């Protein structure tokens, strides 16, 4: 291998490594939606006869939380 090829190869490797370091995700807040919107979206994924009795998990800032549809027709979002 000639010196020129080695230099081009090394430059390519360093360029790829530098480009890989620039890939960052947006802050979590950019991906979150309101709990009501998230529940509505989740419930729309199945027929009402199934989704009205389903437990829905919503994404919070730290973890997933359960939204439980109670038999009385009320719902609660735990902290």
Protein backbone atom coordinates (compact mmCIF):
# COMPACT_ATOMS: atom_id res chain seq x y z
CA UNK A 1 0.00 0.00 0.00
CA UNK A 2 1.33 3.38 -0.84
CA UNK A 3 1.66 6.20 1.62
CA UNK A 4 -1.07 8.16 -0.17
CA UNK A 5 -3.56 5.29 0.20
CA UNK A 6 -2.73 4.92 3.89
CA UNK A 7 -3.27 8.64 4.44
CA UNK A 8 -6.62 8.55 2.59
CA UNK A 9 -7.69 5.48 4.57
CA UNK A 10 -6.78 7.09 7.90
CA UNK A 11 -8.50 10.36 6.95
CA UNK A 12 -11.65 8.41 6.05
CA UNK A 13 -11.63 6.55 9.35
CA UNK A 14 -11.23 9.77 11.33
CA UNK A 15 -13.99 11.49 9.31
CA UNK A 16 -16.40 8.62 9.97
CA UNK A 17 -15.57 8.63 13.68
CA UNK A 18 -16.15 12.38 13.89
CA UNK A 19 -19.47 12.13 12.04
CA UNK A 20 -20.68 9.35 14.34
CA UNK A 21 -20.04 11.56 17.38
CA UNK A 22 -22.39 14.26 16.07
CA UNK A 23 -25.52 12.10 16.15
CA UNK A 24 -27.49 13.20 19.18
CA UNK A 25 -31.12 12.79 20.12
CA UNK A 26 -33.42 15.66 20.91
CA UNK A 27 -34.35 16.17 24.58
CA UNK A 28 -37.00 13.81 25.94
CA UNK A 29 -39.50 16.66 26.18
CA UNK A 30 -39.62 16.78 22.37
CA UNK A 31 -40.97 13.21 22.29
CA UNK A 32 -43.55 13.48 25.07
CA UNK A 33 -47.22 14.28 24.53
CA UNK A 34 -49.93 15.10 27.02
CA UNK A 35 -51.21 12.08 28.99
CA UNK A 36 -54.70 12.57 27.57
CA UNK A 37 -53.39 12.57 23.98
CA UNK A 38 -51.22 9.52 24.65
CA UNK A 39 -54.15 7.59 26.16
CA UNK A 40 -56.42 8.56 23.25
CA UNK A 41 -53.80 7.40 20.77
CA UNK A 42 -53.32 4.09 22.61
CA UNK A 43 -57.05 3.46 22.91
CA UNK A 44 -57.56 4.16 19.19
CA UNK A 45 -55.27 1.22 18.35
CA UNK A 46 -57.93 -1.36 19.25
CA UNK A 47 -61.71 -1.67 19.01
CA UNK A 48 -63.59 0.11 21.79
CA UNK A 49 -64.86 -3.20 23.19
CA UNK A 50 -61.25 -4.12 23.96
CA UNK A 51 -59.59 -0.77 24.67
CA UNK A 52 -62.17 0.43 27.19
CA UNK A 53 -61.10 -2.36 29.58
CA UNK A 54 -57.37 -2.18 28.80
CA UNK A 55 -54.61 -0.85 31.02
CA UNK A 56 -52.70 1.88 29.23
CA UNK A 57 -49.05 2.70 29.90
CA UNK A 58 -47.99 6.32 29.35
CA UNK A 59 -44.43 7.63 29.09
CA UNK A 60 -43.38 10.14 31.72
CA UNK A 61 -40.11 11.97 32.20
CA UNK A 62 -38.60 9.19 34.31
CA UNK A 63 -40.52 6.02 33.48
CA UNK A 64 -43.70 4.51 32.13
CA UNK A 65 -46.78 4.87 34.34
CA UNK A 66 -50.00 2.90 34.23
CA UNK A 67 -53.28 4.57 33.52
CA UNK A 68 -55.92 2.20 34.86
CA UNK A 69 -59.48 2.38 33.61
CA UNK A 70 -61.55 1.53 36.67
CA UNK A 71 -64.88 -0.30 36.58
CA UNK A 72 -66.64 2.87 37.85
CA UNK A 73 -65.67 4.63 34.63
CA UNK A 74 -63.06 6.89 36.18
CA UNK A 75 -59.38 6.87 35.45
CA UNK A 76 -56.30 7.86 37.38
CA UNK A 77 -52.77 8.77 36.39
CA UNK A 78 -50.36 7.91 39.21
CA UNK A 79 -47.45 10.25 39.96
